[in-house]
Amino acid sequence: MKTLVLNVNEIKWEKHPTFPGVYMKDIVTKEHNMDVINKYIKIESKGEIAVHTHDVTEAIYLVEGIASVLVNGNRISLKAGNMIATPEGVLHGIKNNTDEEVILLATFGVK
């Protein structure tokens, strides 16, 4: 296995297939065999990642903006620099209620 060096700025934003106003950059993928998956995610103003679960743990780090995040059944406000870790099977979702973009880095475990 080799260390990966990637320039995230060279990766194109792709529309999320399910959530309008949400775009992704796949950074570290299963094909890299690194035991994690990394995605850079952009949520436009008023966009939302609806409530959902995963079969792996997800860690979310807010890079830019302010987001309304559903955690443990409650909505809380997170700002750039905050992070949450969601265990597998736990409901979570993110809304951007502001006029600015929200950028986050999501890291998923791999089964």
N, C-alpha and C. Protein backbone atom coordinates (compact mmCIF):
# COMPACT_ATOMS: atom_id res chain seq x y z
N MET A 1 0.85 -1.18 0.00
CA MET A 1 0.00 0.00 0.00
C MET A 1 0.89 1.24 0.00
N LYS A 2 0.48 2.25 -0.75
CA LYS A 2 1.24 3.49 -0.84
C LYS A 2 0.46 4.65 -0.24
N THR A 3 1.18 5.64 0.22
CA THR A 3 0.56 6.86 0.72
C THR A 3 -0.04 7.62 -0.45
N LEU A 4 -1.24 8.12 -0.26
CA LEU A 4 -1.93 8.91 -1.29
C LEU A 4 -1.61 10.38 -1.14
N VAL A 5 -1.37 11.04 -2.25
CA VAL A 5 -1.25 12.50 -2.30
C VAL A 5 -2.22 12.97 -3.37
N LEU A 6 -3.22 13.74 -2.96
CA LEU A 6 -4.27 14.19 -3.88
C LEU A 6 -4.44 15.69 -3.78
N ASN A 7 -4.79 16.31 -4.90
CA ASN A 7 -5.15 17.72 -4.92
C ASN A 7 -6.66 17.80 -5.05
N VAL A 8 -7.34 18.08 -3.95
CA VAL A 8 -8.80 18.10 -3.93
C VAL A 8 -9.34 19.15 -4.91
N ASN A 9 -8.60 20.23 -5.14
CA ASN A 9 -9.05 21.28 -6.07
C ASN A 9 -9.15 20.78 -7.50
N GLU A 10 -8.46 19.70 -7.83
CA GLU A 10 -8.50 19.14 -9.19
C GLU A 10 -9.66 18.17 -9.39
N ILE A 11 -10.36 17.82 -8.32
CA ILE A 11 -11.48 16.89 -8.40
C ILE A 11 -12.76 17.70 -8.65
N LYS A 12 -13.55 17.28 -9.64
CA LYS A 12 -14.78 17.99 -10.00
C LYS A 12 -15.90 17.73 -9.00
N TRP A 13 -16.69 18.77 -8.73
CA TRP A 13 -17.90 18.61 -7.95
C TRP A 13 -18.91 17.83 -8.79
N GLU A 14 -19.56 16.85 -8.18
CA GLU A 14 -20.62 16.07 -8.84
C GLU A 14 -21.90 16.25 -8.05
N LYS A 15 -23.04 16.38 -8.77
CA LYS A 15 -24.33 16.50 -8.09
C LYS A 15 -24.60 15.22 -7.31
N HIS A 16 -25.10 15.39 -6.10
CA HIS A 16 -25.51 14.22 -5.32
C HIS A 16 -26.72 13.59 -6.00
N PRO A 17 -26.77 12.27 -6.13
CA PRO A 17 -27.87 11.64 -6.87
C PRO A 17 -29.22 11.73 -6.17
N THR A 18 -29.25 12.01 -4.88
CA THR A 18 -30.50 11.99 -4.12
C THR A 18 -30.90 13.36 -3.57
N PHE A 19 -29.93 14.15 -3.13
CA PHE A 19 -30.23 15.37 -2.39
C PHE A 19 -30.00 16.62 -3.25
N PRO A 20 -31.07 17.36 -3.61
CA PRO A 20 -30.91 18.58 -4.40
C PRO A 20 -30.08 19.63 -3.64
N GLY A 21 -29.26 20.36 -4.37
CA GLY A 21 -28.45 21.41 -3.76
C GLY A 21 -27.22 20.89 -3.04
N VAL A 22 -26.93 19.59 -3.22
CA VAL A 22 -25.78 18.97 -2.57
C VAL A 22 -24.84 18.43 -3.64
N TYR A 23 -23.55 18.72 -3.47
CA TYR A 23 -22.51 18.30 -4.42
C TYR A 23 -21.40 17.59 -3.65
N MET A 24 -20.72 16.66 -4.34
CA MET A 24 -19.69 15.87 -3.68
C MET A 24 -18.43 15.79 -4.54
N LYS A 25 -17.31 15.61 -3.85
CA LYS A 25 -16.05 15.24 -4.47
C LYS A 25 -15.60 13.96 -3.78
N ASP A 26 -15.50 12.87 -4.52
CA ASP A 26 -14.99 11.63 -3.94
C ASP A 26 -13.47 11.76 -3.86
N ILE A 27 -12.94 11.73 -2.66
CA ILE A 27 -11.50 11.92 -2.46
C ILE A 27 -10.83 10.56 -2.31
N VAL A 28 -11.02 9.92 -1.17
CA VAL A 28 -10.49 8.57 -0.97
C VAL A 28 -11.66 7.61 -1.14
N THR A 29 -11.53 6.68 -2.06
CA THR A 29 -12.60 5.75 -2.40
C THR A 29 -12.21 4.32 -2.02
N LYS A 30 -13.16 3.40 -2.11
CA LYS A 30 -12.88 1.99 -1.83
C LYS A 30 -11.73 1.48 -2.70
N GLU A 31 -11.66 1.99 -3.92
CA GLU A 31 -10.62 1.55 -4.85
C GLU A 31 -9.21 1.87 -4.37
N HIS A 32 -9.08 2.83 -3.46
CA HIS A 32 -7.77 3.18 -2.92
C HIS A 32 -7.29 2.20 -1.84
N ASN A 33 -8.21 1.34 -1.35
CA ASN A 33 -7.88 0.34 -0.32
C ASN A 33 -7.21 0.95 0.91
N MET A 34 -7.78 2.03 1.42
CA MET A 34 -7.19 2.73 2.58
C MET A 34 -7.99 2.50 3.87
N ASP A 35 -9.00 1.68 3.86
CA ASP A 35 -9.84 1.38 5.02
C ASP A 35 -10.72 2.54 5.47
N VAL A 36 -10.78 3.62 4.70
CA VAL A 36 -11.72 4.72 4.92
C VAL A 36 -12.18 5.24 3.57
N ILE A 37 -13.28 5.94 3.59
CA ILE A 37 -13.77 6.67 2.42
C ILE A 37 -13.88 8.12 2.85
N ASN A 38 -13.40 9.03 2.01
CA ASN A 38 -13.43 10.47 2.28
C ASN A 38 -14.21 11.17 1.18
N LYS A 39 -15.11 12.05 1.57
CA LYS A 39 -15.86 12.86 0.60
C LYS A 39 -15.84 14.31 1.05
N TYR A 40 -15.63 15.20 0.11
CA TYR A 40 -15.78 16.63 0.32
C TYR A 40 -17.20 16.93 -0.12
N ILE A 41 -18.00 17.60 0.71
CA ILE A 41 -19.40 17.83 0.40
C ILE A 41 -19.73 19.30 0.50
N LYS A 42 -20.47 19.79 -0.51
CA LYS A 42 -20.92 21.19 -0.54
C LYS A 42 -22.44 21.18 -0.49
N ILE A 43 -22.99 21.96 0.44
CA ILE A 43 -24.44 22.12 0.54
C ILE A 43 -24.75 23.58 0.24
N GLU A 44 -25.46 23.80 -0.85
CA GLU A 44 -25.80 25.17 -1.23
C GLU A 44 -26.80 25.77 -0.24
N SER A 45 -26.96 27.08 -0.33
CA SER A 45 -27.93 27.77 0.50
C SER A 45 -29.29 27.09 0.39
N LYS A 46 -29.89 26.79 1.53
CA LYS A 46 -31.19 26.14 1.66
C LYS A 46 -31.18 24.67 1.23
N GLY A 47 -30.02 24.11 0.93
CA GLY A 47 -29.91 22.69 0.58
C GLY A 47 -29.94 21.82 1.82
N GLU A 48 -30.13 20.51 1.60
CA GLU A 48 -30.24 19.61 2.74
C GLU A 48 -29.82 18.20 2.37
N ILE A 49 -29.10 17.57 3.29
CA ILE A 49 -28.89 16.13 3.26
C ILE A 49 -29.93 15.57 4.21
N ALA A 50 -30.98 14.96 3.65
CA ALA A 50 -32.11 14.50 4.45
C ALA A 50 -31.66 13.44 5.47
N VAL A 51 -32.49 13.24 6.46
CA VAL A 51 -32.21 12.28 7.52
C VAL A 51 -32.00 10.89 6.91
N HIS A 52 -30.91 10.23 7.34
CA HIS A 52 -30.53 8.93 6.81
C HIS A 52 -29.62 8.21 7.80
N THR A 53 -29.27 6.98 7.49
CA THR A 53 -28.31 6.22 8.29
C THR A 53 -27.27 5.59 7.36
N HIS A 54 -26.21 5.06 7.96
CA HIS A 54 -25.20 4.30 7.23
C HIS A 54 -24.94 3.01 7.98
N ASP A 55 -24.35 2.04 7.29
CA ASP A 55 -23.98 0.79 7.95
C ASP A 55 -22.54 0.83 8.45
N VAL A 56 -21.97 2.03 8.50
CA VAL A 56 -20.62 2.26 9.04
C VAL A 56 -20.64 3.58 9.82
N THR A 57 -19.61 3.81 10.61
CA THR A 57 -19.47 5.09 11.31
C THR A 57 -19.12 6.19 10.32
N GLU A 58 -19.66 7.40 10.54
CA GLU A 58 -19.33 8.56 9.72
C GLU A 58 -18.87 9.70 10.63
N ALA A 59 -17.74 10.29 10.30
CA ALA A 59 -17.25 11.49 10.99
C ALA A 59 -17.40 12.65 10.03
N ILE A 60 -17.99 13.74 10.51
CA ILE A 60 -18.24 14.91 9.67
C ILE A 60 -17.56 16.11 10.30
N TYR A 61 -16.69 16.77 9.53
CA TYR A 61 -15.98 17.96 9.97
C TYR A 61 -16.44 19.13 9.12
N LEU A 62 -16.96 20.19 9.75
CA LEU A 62 -17.40 21.37 9.01
C LEU A 62 -16.21 22.25 8.68
N VAL A 63 -15.98 22.44 7.39
CA VAL A 63 -14.85 23.23 6.91
C VAL A 63 -15.25 24.70 6.80
N GLU A 64 -16.46 24.94 6.25
CA GLU A 64 -16.96 26.31 6.07
C GLU A 64 -18.45 26.35 6.38
N GLY A 65 -18.90 27.48 6.92
CA GLY A 65 -20.32 27.73 7.07
C GLY A 65 -20.89 27.32 8.41
N ILE A 66 -22.23 27.41 8.46
CA ILE A 66 -23.01 27.04 9.64
C ILE A 66 -24.10 26.10 9.18
N ALA A 67 -24.25 24.97 9.88
CA ALA A 67 -25.23 23.96 9.47
C ALA A 67 -26.11 23.57 10.64
N SER A 68 -27.34 23.21 10.32
CA SER A 68 -28.27 22.65 11.30
C SER A 68 -28.18 21.14 11.15
N VAL A 69 -27.74 20.47 12.22
CA VAL A 69 -27.44 19.05 12.15
C VAL A 69 -28.34 18.28 13.11
N LEU A 70 -28.96 17.20 12.61
CA LEU A 70 -29.74 16.32 13.47
C LEU A 70 -28.80 15.31 14.10
N VAL A 71 -28.69 15.36 15.43
CA VAL A 71 -27.87 14.41 16.17
C VAL A 71 -28.64 13.97 17.42
N ASN A 72 -28.67 12.68 17.66
CA ASN A 72 -29.34 12.13 18.84
C ASN A 72 -30.78 12.62 18.97
N GLY A 73 -31.45 12.79 17.82
CA GLY A 73 -32.85 13.20 17.82
C GLY A 73 -33.09 14.68 17.98
N ASN A 74 -32.03 15.48 18.10
CA ASN A 74 -32.17 16.93 18.28
C ASN A 74 -31.43 17.68 17.18
N ARG A 75 -31.95 18.84 16.82
CA ARG A 75 -31.26 19.71 15.86
C ARG A 75 -30.34 20.64 16.63
N ILE A 76 -29.08 20.69 16.21
CA ILE A 76 -28.12 21.61 16.81
C ILE A 76 -27.44 22.38 15.70
N SER A 77 -26.88 23.52 16.03
CA SER A 77 -26.16 24.35 15.06
C SER A 77 -24.66 24.07 15.20
N LEU A 78 -24.03 23.74 14.09
CA LEU A 78 -22.59 23.55 14.05
C LEU A 78 -21.98 24.59 13.13
N LYS A 79 -20.76 25.01 13.45
CA LYS A 79 -20.06 26.00 12.62
C LYS A 79 -18.71 25.42 12.20
N ALA A 80 -18.05 26.12 11.29
CA ALA A 80 -16.74 25.68 10.82
C ALA A 80 -15.84 25.39 12.01
N GLY A 81 -15.17 24.25 11.95
CA GLY A 81 -14.30 23.82 13.02
C GLY A 81 -14.92 22.78 13.93
N ASN A 82 -16.26 22.63 13.86
CA ASN A 82 -16.94 21.61 14.66
C ASN A 82 -16.93 20.26 13.94
N MET A 83 -17.03 19.18 14.71
CA MET A 83 -17.06 17.84 14.15
C MET A 83 -18.07 16.99 14.90
N ILE A 84 -18.72 16.08 14.19
CA ILE A 84 -19.56 15.07 14.84
C ILE A 84 -19.13 13.70 14.32
N ALA A 85 -19.34 12.68 15.13
CA ALA A 85 -19.11 11.30 14.72
C ALA A 85 -20.41 10.54 14.96
N THR A 86 -20.93 9.91 13.92
CA THR A 86 -22.21 9.22 13.99
C THR A 86 -21.98 7.71 13.85
N PRO A 87 -22.33 6.94 14.87
CA PRO A 87 -22.17 5.49 14.78
C PRO A 87 -23.08 4.89 13.70
N GLU A 88 -22.75 3.70 13.26
CA GLU A 88 -23.57 3.04 12.25
C GLU A 88 -25.00 2.87 12.75
N GLY A 89 -25.95 3.06 11.82
CA GLY A 89 -27.36 2.86 12.14
C GLY A 89 -28.04 4.02 12.84
N VAL A 90 -27.32 5.11 13.14
CA VAL A 90 -27.91 6.24 13.86
C VAL A 90 -28.39 7.30 12.85
N LEU A 91 -29.64 7.74 13.01
CA LEU A 91 -30.20 8.76 12.13
C LEU A 91 -29.45 10.07 12.28
N HIS A 92 -29.17 10.71 11.13
CA HIS A 92 -28.55 12.02 11.12
C HIS A 92 -28.88 12.72 9.80
N GLY A 93 -28.78 14.03 9.78
CA GLY A 93 -29.04 14.82 8.58
C GLY A 93 -28.49 16.23 8.78
N ILE A 94 -28.29 16.94 7.66
CA ILE A 94 -27.69 18.27 7.72
C ILE A 94 -28.48 19.22 6.82
N LYS A 95 -28.85 20.38 7.36
CA LYS A 95 -29.52 21.43 6.60
C LYS A 95 -28.64 22.67 6.56
N ASN A 96 -28.69 23.37 5.44
CA ASN A 96 -28.05 24.67 5.34
C ASN A 96 -29.16 25.71 5.28
N ASN A 97 -29.43 26.35 6.39
CA ASN A 97 -30.49 27.37 6.46
C ASN A 97 -29.97 28.77 6.19
N THR A 98 -28.71 28.90 5.80
CA THR A 98 -28.09 30.21 5.60
C THR A 98 -28.05 30.59 4.13
N ASP A 99 -27.55 31.77 3.84
CA ASP A 99 -27.37 32.23 2.47
C ASP A 99 -25.99 31.90 1.94
N GLU A 100 -25.16 31.26 2.75
CA GLU A 100 -23.78 30.89 2.36
C GLU A 100 -23.68 29.38 2.17
N GLU A 101 -22.70 28.93 1.40
CA GLU A 101 -22.45 27.50 1.23
C GLU A 101 -21.93 26.89 2.53
N VAL A 102 -22.22 25.62 2.70
CA VAL A 102 -21.62 24.81 3.76
C VAL A 102 -20.69 23.81 3.08
N ILE A 103 -19.47 23.72 3.56
CA ILE A 103 -18.50 22.73 3.06
C ILE A 103 -18.14 21.83 4.23
N LEU A 104 -18.19 20.54 3.98
CA LEU A 104 -17.79 19.60 5.03
C LEU A 104 -16.96 18.47 4.46
N LEU A 105 -16.22 17.85 5.34
CA LEU A 105 -15.43 16.68 5.00
C LEU A 105 -16.02 15.50 5.74
N ALA A 106 -16.47 14.50 5.00
CA ALA A 106 -17.08 13.31 5.60
C ALA A 106 -16.15 12.13 5.43
N THR A 107 -15.91 11.43 6.53
CA THR A 107 -15.06 10.24 6.51
C THR A 107 -15.87 9.06 7.00
N PHE A 108 -15.87 8.00 6.21
CA PHE A 108 -16.65 6.81 6.51
C PHE A 108 -15.72 5.63 6.76
N GLY A 109 -16.11 4.78 7.70
CA GLY A 109 -15.42 3.52 7.86
C GLY A 109 -15.74 2.61 6.68
N VAL A 110 -14.98 1.56 6.52
CA VAL A 110 -15.20 0.60 5.44
C VAL A 110 -15.39 -0.77 6.05
N LYS A 111 -16.40 -1.49 5.60
CA LYS A 111 -16.61 -2.87 6.08
C LYS A 111 -15.93 -3.84 5.16
